Amino acid sequence: MTCYGQQQRWGHRLRLRFSDGSDGVYDLSTYIAQGGEMVEPLKSPDYFARVFVEIGAPTWPKGFDLDPINPYVELRKAGAAKQVAAPVG
């Protein structure tokens, strides 16, 4: 599963579009609140907003990325991923 599109939403939420054509808003607030050296910069709204997709994963400067399978599975389990497009590839 890869992520091929993202858009920052409010707070620490990202709207993610996945390669199967599903789309959902993933909240990283709890993950970021747990802290840690790699996620510490994400607490800054300006830094969080610098997200981009690289090799199918939401990525921030300095090499931190988010494995897209975790948000995909969580959004599916919660019923929060909606089919909005045809699968890619």
Protein backbone atom coordinates (compact mmCIF):
# COMPACT_ATOMS: atom_id res chain seq x y z
CA MET A 1 0.00 0.00 0.00
CA THR A 2 1.34 3.40 -0.89
CA CYS A 3 0.21 6.93 -0.30
CA TYR A 4 0.18 9.03 -3.42
CA GLY A 5 -1.38 12.22 -2.16
CA GLN A 6 -1.63 14.20 1.03
CA GLN A 7 -2.95 17.50 2.24
CA GLN A 8 -2.45 18.94 5.68
CA ARG A 9 -5.67 19.53 7.52
CA TRP A 10 -6.19 21.21 10.88
CA GLY A 11 -3.86 20.47 13.79
CA HIS A 12 -1.84 17.30 13.29
CA ARG A 13 -4.19 15.73 10.78
CA LEU A 14 -3.43 14.70 7.22
CA ARG A 15 -5.85 13.84 4.46
CA LEU A 16 -4.24 10.86 2.76
CA ARG A 17 -5.07 9.28 -0.60
CA PHE A 18 -3.98 5.66 -0.96
CA SER A 19 -3.10 3.60 -4.03
CA ASP A 20 -6.36 1.62 -3.79
CA GLY A 21 -8.26 4.90 -4.35
CA SER A 22 -9.38 5.32 -0.76
CA ASP A 23 -9.06 8.60 1.11
CA GLY A 24 -9.24 9.53 4.79
CA VAL A 25 -8.09 11.97 7.45
CA TYR A 26 -5.43 10.55 9.77
CA ASP A 27 -4.77 12.23 13.12
CA LEU A 28 -1.18 12.02 14.37
CA SER A 29 -1.83 13.97 17.60
CA THR A 30 -1.62 10.98 19.95
CA TYR A 31 1.48 9.64 18.21
CA ILE A 32 3.22 13.02 18.40
CA ALA A 33 2.20 13.54 22.05
CA GLN A 34 4.08 10.35 22.99
CA GLY A 35 7.24 12.24 22.09
CA GLY A 36 10.60 11.04 20.95
CA GLU A 37 13.52 12.52 19.10
CA MET A 38 12.12 11.94 15.61
CA VAL A 39 8.60 13.26 16.25
CA GLU A 40 9.56 16.23 18.43
CA PRO A 41 9.87 18.62 15.43
CA LEU A 42 6.35 17.63 14.29
CA LYS A 43 4.90 19.47 17.30
CA SER A 44 5.58 22.73 15.47
CA PRO A 45 2.68 23.53 13.10
CA ASP A 46 5.09 25.13 10.62
CA TYR A 47 7.31 22.04 10.53
CA PHE A 48 4.32 19.66 10.37
CA ALA A 49 3.03 21.60 7.36
CA ARG A 50 6.23 20.75 5.44
CA VAL A 51 4.98 17.20 4.80
CA PHE A 52 5.36 15.76 1.29
CA VAL A 53 5.01 12.31 -0.30
CA GLU A 54 8.23 10.49 -1.15
CA ILE A 55 8.32 6.93 -2.44
CA GLY A 56 4.70 6.44 -1.38
CA ALA A 57 5.06 7.66 2.21
CA PRO A 58 4.19 10.93 3.97
CA THR A 59 7.62 12.39 4.72
CA TRP A 60 9.08 15.39 6.53
CA PRO A 61 12.47 17.06 6.16
CA LYS A 62 15.38 15.35 7.93
CA GLY A 63 14.13 11.93 6.84
CA PHE A 64 11.17 11.17 9.12
CA ASP A 65 8.46 9.28 7.26
CA LEU A 66 5.24 7.51 8.09
CA ASP A 67 4.71 3.94 6.87
CA PRO A 68 1.42 4.32 4.95
CA ILE A 69 0.13 0.87 5.90
CA ASN A 70 -0.49 1.94 9.52
CA PRO A 71 -2.79 4.88 8.74
CA TYR A 72 -4.45 2.80 6.01
CA VAL A 73 -5.28 -0.06 8.38
CA GLU A 74 -6.42 2.27 11.18
CA LEU A 75 -8.65 4.31 8.86
CA ARG A 76 -10.17 1.12 7.38
CA LYS A 77 -10.84 -0.37 10.84
CA ALA A 78 -12.52 2.85 11.96
CA GLY A 79 -14.62 3.06 8.79
CA ALA A 80 -13.00 6.42 8.07
CA ALA A 81 -11.47 5.56 4.68
CA LYS A 82 -13.78 6.27 1.77
CA GLN A 83 -13.39 5.06 -1.79
CA VAL A 84 -13.05 8.24 -3.86
CA ALA A 85 -11.13 7.13 -6.96
CA ALA A 86 -10.14 4.11 -8.96
CA PRO A 87 -7.09 2.17 -7.74
CA VAL A 88 -3.74 3.41 -9.03
CA GLY A 89 -1.40 1.18 -10.97
